[in-house]
Each structure stands twice: as structure tokens, then as C-alpha cells.
Amino acid sequence: ARSTLTDVDVAEEVTNLTKNQILQDIGVSVLAQANMASQRALNLINN
């Protein structure tokens, strides 16, 4: 029984880790796109 509980906890934690890594990657991508958009706006203003 203890092994089953441990296995379930490990599987759940791996799932949570994967989900959080995906969310972090999405956040980084959104920030990068926002940064590029602001740079383009500045380039339009300066040119």
C-alpha cells in the first residue's frame, strides 16, 4: 500500500512539474513577444 501511495505521489508531482514548466515557457514567450512589440513601436517612432 505504501508503494502505491508513493508511486501516485511521484506521478502527480511529475505532472505538476511538467505543467509548471510549460506555464513558465509560455510566460517567457509572452514577455519576449511583448518586448519585441515595444521595440518595433520605438523603431517606428524613431524612424
Protein backbone atom coordinates (compact mmCIF):
# COMPACT_ATOMS: atom_id res chain seq x y z
CA ALA A 1 0.00 0.00 0.00
CA ARG A 2 2.81 2.39 0.85
CA SER A 3 4.46 1.77 -2.54
CA THR A 4 1.22 2.60 -4.32
CA LEU A 5 0.85 5.87 -2.43
CA THR A 6 4.44 6.81 -3.20
CA ASP A 7 4.01 5.94 -6.88
CA VAL A 8 0.88 8.08 -7.08
CA ASP A 9 2.64 11.00 -5.38
CA VAL A 10 5.60 10.78 -7.76
CA ALA A 11 3.33 10.66 -10.80
CA GLU A 12 1.34 13.63 -9.53
CA GLU A 13 4.47 15.63 -8.80
CA VAL A 14 5.94 14.89 -12.22
CA THR A 15 2.67 16.06 -13.77
CA ASN A 16 2.72 19.25 -11.69
CA LEU A 17 6.36 19.91 -12.59
CA THR A 18 5.67 19.44 -16.29
CA LYS A 19 2.63 21.74 -16.11
CA ASN A 20 4.60 24.42 -14.30
CA GLN A 21 7.48 24.20 -16.78
CA ILE A 22 5.04 24.66 -19.66
CA LEU A 23 3.44 27.65 -17.93
CA GLN A 24 6.88 29.16 -17.35
CA ASP A 25 7.80 28.67 -21.01
CA ILE A 26 4.55 30.35 -22.05
CA GLY A 27 5.28 33.27 -19.73
CA VAL A 28 8.77 33.71 -21.16
CA SER A 29 7.37 33.62 -24.70
CA VAL A 30 4.72 36.22 -23.90
CA LEU A 31 7.32 38.52 -22.35
CA ALA A 32 9.62 38.11 -25.34
CA GLN A 33 6.79 38.96 -27.75
CA ALA A 34 5.79 41.99 -25.68
CA ASN A 35 9.39 43.17 -25.68
CA MET A 36 9.62 42.78 -29.45
CA ALA A 37 6.37 44.70 -29.94
CA SER A 38 7.59 47.61 -27.83
CA GLN A 39 10.90 47.64 -29.72
CA ARG A 40 9.01 47.79 -33.02
CA ALA A 41 6.91 50.67 -31.75
CA LEU A 42 10.04 52.56 -30.69
CA ASN A 43 11.62 51.91 -34.07
CA LEU A 44 8.54 53.30 -35.83
CA ILE A 45 8.60 56.41 -33.66
CA ASN A 46 12.33 56.98 -34.15
CA ASN A 47 12.25 56.45 -37.92
